[in-house]
Amino acid sequence: MKNLFSHKVLFLLLFSTLLLTSCNSDDDSPVSSNTSKKVVFKAVTSSDANVGMVVYGYDTSLTTASSLSGTTWNSSEIVVPANAYVASIVMNGVGASASSTLKVQIYVDGVLKKEATSTGKALSATVQYNLQ
């Protein structure tokens, strides 16, 4: 029970950090466009780990899913308006060993734009991608 509580606290801390960080332009920023974008969020863990909870979306339009399980997770495709600034995903999971991994990814119009990986028993990965 204490382990679950510490994961929730870690997740909330990381999510708060995500919301408070500025949206600096990425080195691989796309050329600004006047069209909506199709965004998909994905996650995969090593075979000895499980996904747990995720917050994903764009700007302030965020979705939370909890009590997840398994080694993979995909969001449904989200049509993001042309004036959206940033796509974000924060996911946590639980690994069995110090070498367990969790990778989160953001795809825009079918192309992988950004990813991050977490390693350890308490897994938490965060990615933001500038849409402008």
N, C-alpha and C. Protein backbone atom coordinates (compact mmCIF):
# COMPACT_ATOMS: atom_id res chain seq x y z
N MET A 1 0.83 -1.19 0.00
CA MET A 1 0.00 0.00 0.00
C MET A 1 0.87 1.25 0.00
N LYS A 2 1.95 1.22 0.80
CA LYS A 2 2.84 2.37 0.85
C LYS A 2 3.51 2.58 -0.51
N ASN A 3 3.84 1.48 -1.21
CA ASN A 3 4.47 1.56 -2.53
C ASN A 3 3.51 2.23 -3.52
N LEU A 4 2.22 1.89 -3.49
CA LEU A 4 1.22 2.50 -4.36
C LEU A 4 1.09 3.98 -4.04
N PHE A 5 1.09 4.34 -2.76
CA PHE A 5 1.00 5.74 -2.36
C PHE A 5 2.20 6.53 -2.88
N SER A 6 3.40 5.95 -2.76
CA SER A 6 4.60 6.66 -3.22
C SER A 6 4.59 6.82 -4.73
N HIS A 7 4.05 5.85 -5.47
CA HIS A 7 3.94 5.99 -6.93
C HIS A 7 2.97 7.09 -7.30
N LYS A 8 1.86 7.19 -6.56
CA LYS A 8 0.89 8.26 -6.85
C LYS A 8 1.48 9.62 -6.55
N VAL A 9 2.22 9.73 -5.47
CA VAL A 9 2.85 11.00 -5.12
C VAL A 9 3.89 11.37 -6.18
N LEU A 10 4.69 10.40 -6.60
CA LEU A 10 5.68 10.64 -7.65
C LEU A 10 5.00 11.07 -8.94
N PHE A 11 3.93 10.40 -9.31
CA PHE A 11 3.20 10.73 -10.52
C PHE A 11 2.63 12.15 -10.44
N LEU A 12 2.01 12.50 -9.33
CA LEU A 12 1.44 13.84 -9.18
C LEU A 12 2.52 14.92 -9.22
N LEU A 13 3.67 14.63 -8.61
CA LEU A 13 4.78 15.57 -8.64
C LEU A 13 5.27 15.78 -10.07
N LEU A 14 5.44 14.69 -10.80
CA LEU A 14 5.90 14.80 -12.19
C LEU A 14 4.87 15.51 -13.07
N PHE A 15 3.61 15.20 -12.86
CA PHE A 15 2.57 15.86 -13.64
C PHE A 15 2.52 17.36 -13.34
N SER A 16 2.67 17.73 -12.07
CA SER A 16 2.70 19.15 -11.70
C SER A 16 3.87 19.85 -12.38
N THR A 17 5.01 19.18 -12.42
CA THR A 17 6.18 19.74 -13.10
C THR A 17 5.89 19.94 -14.58
N LEU A 18 5.21 18.96 -15.18
CA LEU A 18 4.85 19.06 -16.59
C LEU A 18 3.99 20.30 -16.84
N LEU A 19 3.02 20.53 -15.98
CA LEU A 19 2.12 21.67 -16.18
C LEU A 19 2.82 23.01 -15.95
N LEU A 20 3.85 23.02 -15.11
CA LEU A 20 4.51 24.27 -14.78
C LEU A 20 5.69 24.61 -15.69
N THR A 21 6.12 23.65 -16.49
CA THR A 21 7.26 23.93 -17.36
C THR A 21 6.82 24.76 -18.55
N SER A 22 7.72 25.58 -19.01
CA SER A 22 7.39 26.39 -20.18
C SER A 22 7.52 25.55 -21.43
N CYS A 23 6.91 25.99 -22.47
CA CYS A 23 6.91 25.27 -23.74
C CYS A 23 8.00 25.82 -24.63
N ASN A 24 9.24 25.56 -24.29
CA ASN A 24 10.36 26.00 -25.12
C ASN A 24 10.29 25.31 -26.46
N SER A 25 10.74 25.99 -27.50
CA SER A 25 10.70 25.37 -28.82
C SER A 25 11.69 24.22 -28.87
N ASP A 26 11.26 23.14 -29.50
CA ASP A 26 12.10 21.96 -29.65
C ASP A 26 13.04 22.16 -30.82
N ASP A 27 14.19 21.49 -30.78
CA ASP A 27 15.13 21.54 -31.89
C ASP A 27 14.50 20.99 -33.16
N ASP A 28 13.58 20.03 -33.00
CA ASP A 28 12.95 19.41 -34.15
C ASP A 28 11.53 19.93 -34.35
N SER A 29 11.31 21.21 -34.07
CA SER A 29 9.98 21.80 -34.20
C SER A 29 9.50 21.76 -35.63
N PRO A 30 8.23 21.43 -35.82
CA PRO A 30 7.70 21.41 -37.17
C PRO A 30 7.47 22.83 -37.68
N VAL A 31 7.38 22.98 -38.97
CA VAL A 31 7.02 24.27 -39.54
C VAL A 31 5.57 24.53 -39.17
N SER A 32 5.29 25.76 -38.73
CA SER A 32 3.93 26.11 -38.33
C SER A 32 2.97 25.90 -39.49
N SER A 33 1.78 25.41 -39.16
CA SER A 33 0.81 25.11 -40.20
C SER A 33 -0.57 25.54 -39.77
N ASN A 34 -1.45 25.73 -40.74
CA ASN A 34 -2.81 26.17 -40.46
C ASN A 34 -3.78 25.01 -40.39
N THR A 35 -3.30 23.79 -40.32
CA THR A 35 -4.19 22.64 -40.33
C THR A 35 -4.13 21.88 -39.01
N SER A 36 -5.20 21.17 -38.75
CA SER A 36 -5.23 20.33 -37.55
C SER A 36 -4.24 19.18 -37.73
N LYS A 37 -3.91 18.54 -36.62
CA LYS A 37 -2.96 17.44 -36.63
C LYS A 37 -3.60 16.23 -35.95
N LYS A 38 -3.19 15.04 -36.38
CA LYS A 38 -3.65 13.81 -35.76
C LYS A 38 -2.53 13.32 -34.85
N VAL A 39 -2.84 13.21 -33.55
CA VAL A 39 -1.83 12.85 -32.55
C VAL A 39 -2.22 11.53 -31.89
N VAL A 40 -1.21 10.66 -31.73
CA VAL A 40 -1.38 9.39 -31.02
C VAL A 40 -0.26 9.29 -30.00
N PHE A 41 -0.60 8.86 -28.81
CA PHE A 41 0.36 8.65 -27.72
C PHE A 41 0.52 7.15 -27.52
N LYS A 42 1.77 6.70 -27.33
CA LYS A 42 2.03 5.27 -27.15
C LYS A 42 3.00 5.06 -26.00
N ALA A 43 2.91 3.86 -25.41
CA ALA A 43 3.85 3.48 -24.35
C ALA A 43 4.13 1.99 -24.46
N VAL A 44 5.36 1.64 -24.12
CA VAL A 44 5.75 0.22 -24.09
C VAL A 44 6.72 0.03 -22.94
N THR A 45 6.58 -1.10 -22.25
CA THR A 45 7.49 -1.42 -21.16
C THR A 45 8.30 -2.65 -21.53
N SER A 46 9.33 -2.90 -20.76
CA SER A 46 10.04 -4.16 -20.89
C SER A 46 9.11 -5.27 -20.41
N SER A 47 9.47 -6.52 -20.69
CA SER A 47 8.59 -7.65 -20.38
C SER A 47 8.36 -7.84 -18.88
N ASP A 48 9.24 -7.27 -18.04
CA ASP A 48 9.11 -7.42 -16.59
C ASP A 48 8.48 -6.20 -15.91
N ALA A 49 7.74 -5.40 -16.69
CA ALA A 49 7.13 -4.19 -16.13
C ALA A 49 5.69 -4.06 -16.63
N ASN A 50 4.94 -3.17 -15.98
CA ASN A 50 3.56 -2.90 -16.37
C ASN A 50 3.30 -1.41 -16.35
N VAL A 51 2.47 -0.94 -17.29
CA VAL A 51 2.01 0.44 -17.26
C VAL A 51 1.02 0.58 -16.12
N GLY A 52 0.86 1.81 -15.61
CA GLY A 52 -0.03 2.01 -14.47
C GLY A 52 -1.05 3.10 -14.65
N MET A 53 -0.60 4.33 -14.90
CA MET A 53 -1.48 5.49 -15.02
C MET A 53 -0.89 6.42 -16.06
N VAL A 54 -1.78 7.13 -16.78
CA VAL A 54 -1.31 8.05 -17.82
C VAL A 54 -2.18 9.31 -17.84
N VAL A 55 -1.53 10.43 -18.12
CA VAL A 55 -2.22 11.68 -18.42
C VAL A 55 -1.66 12.13 -19.76
N TYR A 56 -2.55 12.40 -20.72
CA TYR A 56 -2.10 12.75 -22.06
C TYR A 56 -3.08 13.72 -22.72
N GLY A 57 -2.60 14.44 -23.72
CA GLY A 57 -3.46 15.35 -24.46
C GLY A 57 -2.67 16.52 -24.98
N TYR A 58 -3.37 17.62 -25.22
CA TYR A 58 -2.73 18.82 -25.73
C TYR A 58 -3.21 20.03 -24.92
N ASP A 59 -2.31 21.00 -24.79
CA ASP A 59 -2.58 22.23 -24.03
C ASP A 59 -3.28 21.88 -22.71
N THR A 60 -4.48 22.37 -22.48
CA THR A 60 -5.18 22.04 -21.24
C THR A 60 -6.27 20.98 -21.46
N SER A 61 -6.33 20.42 -22.64
CA SER A 61 -7.29 19.35 -22.95
C SER A 61 -6.61 18.00 -22.67
N LEU A 62 -6.70 17.57 -21.41
CA LEU A 62 -5.98 16.38 -20.96
C LEU A 62 -6.93 15.26 -20.56
N THR A 63 -6.49 14.04 -20.75
CA THR A 63 -7.25 12.85 -20.38
C THR A 63 -6.41 12.03 -19.41
N THR A 64 -7.06 11.48 -18.38
CA THR A 64 -6.39 10.62 -17.40
C THR A 64 -6.95 9.22 -17.50
N ALA A 65 -6.08 8.24 -17.51
CA ALA A 65 -6.49 6.84 -17.45
C ALA A 65 -5.68 6.17 -16.35
N SER A 66 -6.37 5.49 -15.44
CA SER A 66 -5.68 4.84 -14.32
C SER A 66 -6.01 3.36 -14.32
N SER A 67 -5.37 2.64 -13.43
CA SER A 67 -5.56 1.20 -13.29
C SER A 67 -5.28 0.46 -14.59
N LEU A 68 -4.30 0.94 -15.33
CA LEU A 68 -3.89 0.26 -16.55
C LEU A 68 -3.02 -0.94 -16.19
N SER A 69 -2.90 -1.87 -17.11
CA SER A 69 -1.99 -3.00 -16.92
C SER A 69 -1.50 -3.46 -18.28
N GLY A 70 -0.50 -4.28 -18.27
CA GLY A 70 0.07 -4.78 -19.52
C GLY A 70 1.38 -4.08 -19.84
N THR A 71 1.98 -4.49 -20.94
CA THR A 71 3.27 -3.94 -21.33
C THR A 71 3.17 -2.90 -22.44
N THR A 72 1.98 -2.70 -23.01
CA THR A 72 1.80 -1.68 -24.04
C THR A 72 0.52 -0.90 -23.79
N TRP A 73 0.49 0.32 -24.30
CA TRP A 73 -0.70 1.16 -24.24
C TRP A 73 -0.65 2.12 -25.42
N ASN A 74 -1.81 2.36 -26.04
CA ASN A 74 -1.95 3.34 -27.12
C ASN A 74 -3.20 4.15 -26.89
N SER A 75 -3.11 5.45 -27.12
CA SER A 75 -4.31 6.28 -27.08
C SER A 75 -5.04 6.12 -28.41
N SER A 76 -6.28 6.52 -28.42
CA SER A 76 -6.95 6.63 -29.70
C SER A 76 -6.42 7.89 -30.39
N GLU A 77 -6.64 8.01 -31.67
CA GLU A 77 -6.16 9.17 -32.41
C GLU A 77 -6.94 10.41 -31.98
N ILE A 78 -6.21 11.48 -31.70
CA ILE A 78 -6.80 12.74 -31.28
C ILE A 78 -6.58 13.76 -32.39
N VAL A 79 -7.64 14.41 -32.84
CA VAL A 79 -7.50 15.48 -33.82
C VAL A 79 -7.28 16.77 -33.03
N VAL A 80 -6.09 17.31 -33.19
CA VAL A 80 -5.67 18.50 -32.43
C VAL A 80 -5.84 19.72 -33.32
N PRO A 81 -6.49 20.77 -32.82
CA PRO A 81 -6.70 21.97 -33.65
C PRO A 81 -5.38 22.65 -34.03
N ALA A 82 -5.41 23.39 -35.11
CA ALA A 82 -4.21 24.04 -35.64
C ALA A 82 -3.60 25.02 -34.65
N ASN A 83 -4.39 25.60 -33.76
CA ASN A 83 -3.87 26.59 -32.81
C ASN A 83 -3.34 25.98 -31.51
N ALA A 84 -3.29 24.64 -31.41
CA ALA A 84 -2.76 24.00 -30.20
C ALA A 84 -1.25 24.19 -30.14
N TYR A 85 -0.72 24.33 -28.92
CA TYR A 85 0.70 24.60 -28.73
C TYR A 85 1.55 23.38 -28.42
N VAL A 86 1.07 22.52 -27.51
CA VAL A 86 1.94 21.44 -27.05
C VAL A 86 1.13 20.17 -26.80
N ALA A 87 1.70 19.04 -27.21
CA ALA A 87 1.16 17.72 -26.89
C ALA A 87 2.00 17.15 -25.75
N SER A 88 1.35 16.50 -24.78
CA SER A 88 2.06 16.03 -23.59
C SER A 88 1.57 14.65 -23.17
N ILE A 89 2.49 13.88 -22.62
CA ILE A 89 2.14 12.60 -22.00
C ILE A 89 3.01 12.41 -20.77
N VAL A 90 2.37 11.96 -19.69
CA VAL A 90 3.06 11.56 -18.46
C VAL A 90 2.51 10.19 -18.11
N MET A 91 3.39 9.21 -17.98
CA MET A 91 2.93 7.86 -17.65
C MET A 91 3.81 7.28 -16.56
N ASN A 92 3.18 6.49 -15.68
CA ASN A 92 3.98 5.76 -14.70
C ASN A 92 3.70 4.27 -14.83
N GLY A 93 4.57 3.51 -14.23
CA GLY A 93 4.44 2.07 -14.25
C GLY A 93 5.29 1.47 -13.15
N VAL A 94 5.26 0.16 -13.07
CA VAL A 94 6.02 -0.55 -12.05
C VAL A 94 6.87 -1.62 -12.73
N GLY A 95 8.16 -1.60 -12.40
CA GLY A 95 9.09 -2.60 -12.93
C GLY A 95 9.49 -3.59 -11.85
N ALA A 96 9.95 -4.74 -12.29
CA ALA A 96 10.36 -5.78 -11.35
C ALA A 96 11.82 -5.63 -10.91
N SER A 97 12.61 -4.91 -11.70
CA SER A 97 14.03 -4.79 -11.38
C SER A 97 14.55 -3.40 -11.75
N ALA A 98 15.79 -3.14 -11.39
CA ALA A 98 16.41 -1.85 -11.70
C ALA A 98 16.60 -1.66 -13.20
N SER A 99 16.54 -2.72 -13.98
CA SER A 99 16.72 -2.60 -15.43
C SER A 99 15.39 -2.58 -16.20
N SER A 100 14.25 -2.56 -15.50
CA SER A 100 12.95 -2.46 -16.17
C SER A 100 12.85 -1.10 -16.86
N THR A 101 12.13 -1.05 -17.99
CA THR A 101 12.01 0.20 -18.74
C THR A 101 10.57 0.52 -19.10
N LEU A 102 10.33 1.81 -19.29
CA LEU A 102 9.07 2.34 -19.80
C LEU A 102 9.42 3.41 -20.82
N LYS A 103 8.89 3.27 -22.03
CA LYS A 103 9.13 4.26 -23.09
C LYS A 103 7.79 4.86 -23.50
N VAL A 104 7.72 6.20 -23.53
CA VAL A 104 6.52 6.90 -24.03
C VAL A 104 6.88 7.64 -25.30
N GLN A 105 5.89 7.74 -26.21
CA GLN A 105 6.13 8.34 -27.52
C GLN A 105 4.95 9.21 -27.93
N ILE A 106 5.26 10.23 -28.73
CA ILE A 106 4.23 11.08 -29.33
C ILE A 106 4.38 10.99 -30.85
N TYR A 107 3.29 10.60 -31.50
CA TYR A 107 3.24 10.55 -32.96
C TYR A 107 2.32 11.67 -33.45
N VAL A 108 2.78 12.41 -34.46
CA VAL A 108 1.97 13.46 -35.07
C VAL A 108 1.84 13.12 -36.55
N ASP A 109 0.61 13.00 -37.00
CA ASP A 109 0.33 12.63 -38.39
C ASP A 109 1.10 11.38 -38.80
N GLY A 110 1.17 10.41 -37.88
CA GLY A 110 1.79 9.12 -38.17
C GLY A 110 3.30 9.06 -38.05
N VAL A 111 3.93 10.17 -37.67
CA VAL A 111 5.39 10.24 -37.58
C VAL A 111 5.81 10.38 -36.12
N LEU A 112 6.75 9.53 -35.67
CA LEU A 112 7.27 9.66 -34.31
C LEU A 112 8.00 10.99 -34.19
N LYS A 113 7.55 11.83 -33.23
CA LYS A 113 8.15 13.15 -33.05
C LYS A 113 9.03 13.25 -31.82
N LYS A 114 8.65 12.54 -30.76
CA LYS A 114 9.42 12.65 -29.52
C LYS A 114 9.18 11.42 -28.67
N GLU A 115 10.21 11.01 -27.90
CA GLU A 115 10.06 9.89 -26.98
C GLU A 115 10.99 10.07 -25.79
N ALA A 116 10.66 9.36 -24.72
CA ALA A 116 11.49 9.37 -23.52
C ALA A 116 11.39 8.00 -22.88
N THR A 117 12.44 7.62 -22.16
CA THR A 117 12.49 6.32 -21.51
C THR A 117 12.85 6.48 -20.04
N SER A 118 12.20 5.69 -19.20
CA SER A 118 12.48 5.64 -17.77
C SER A 118 12.97 4.23 -17.44
N THR A 119 13.89 4.14 -16.50
CA THR A 119 14.44 2.85 -16.09
C THR A 119 14.37 2.70 -14.58
N GLY A 120 14.04 1.50 -14.11
CA GLY A 120 14.02 1.22 -12.68
C GLY A 120 12.76 0.50 -12.25
N LYS A 121 12.55 0.44 -10.95
CA LYS A 121 11.36 -0.21 -10.41
C LYS A 121 10.16 0.74 -10.40
N ALA A 122 10.39 2.01 -10.06
CA ALA A 122 9.34 3.03 -10.11
C ALA A 122 9.53 3.79 -11.42
N LEU A 123 8.70 3.48 -12.39
CA LEU A 123 8.86 4.02 -13.73
C LEU A 123 7.97 5.24 -13.93
N SER A 124 8.53 6.31 -14.47
CA SER A 124 7.75 7.50 -14.80
C SER A 124 8.43 8.21 -15.95
N ALA A 125 7.73 8.38 -17.05
CA ALA A 125 8.30 9.03 -18.23
C ALA A 125 7.38 10.17 -18.68
N THR A 126 7.99 11.27 -19.11
CA THR A 126 7.28 12.48 -19.52
C THR A 126 7.82 12.95 -20.86
N VAL A 127 6.92 13.33 -21.76
CA VAL A 127 7.33 13.91 -23.04
C VAL A 127 6.38 15.06 -23.38
N GLN A 128 6.96 16.12 -23.90
CA GLN A 128 6.20 17.24 -24.45
C GLN A 128 6.72 17.49 -25.86
N TYR A 129 5.80 17.82 -26.78
CA TYR A 129 6.22 18.14 -28.14
C TYR A 129 5.53 19.44 -28.56
N ASN A 130 6.33 20.39 -29.03
CA ASN A 130 5.81 21.67 -29.47
C ASN A 130 5.14 21.50 -30.82
N LEU A 131 3.85 21.79 -30.90
CA LEU A 131 3.07 21.61 -32.12
C LEU A 131 3.15 22.81 -33.07
N GLN A 132 3.63 23.93 -32.61
CA GLN A 132 3.67 25.14 -33.44
C GLN A 132 4.92 25.25 -34.27
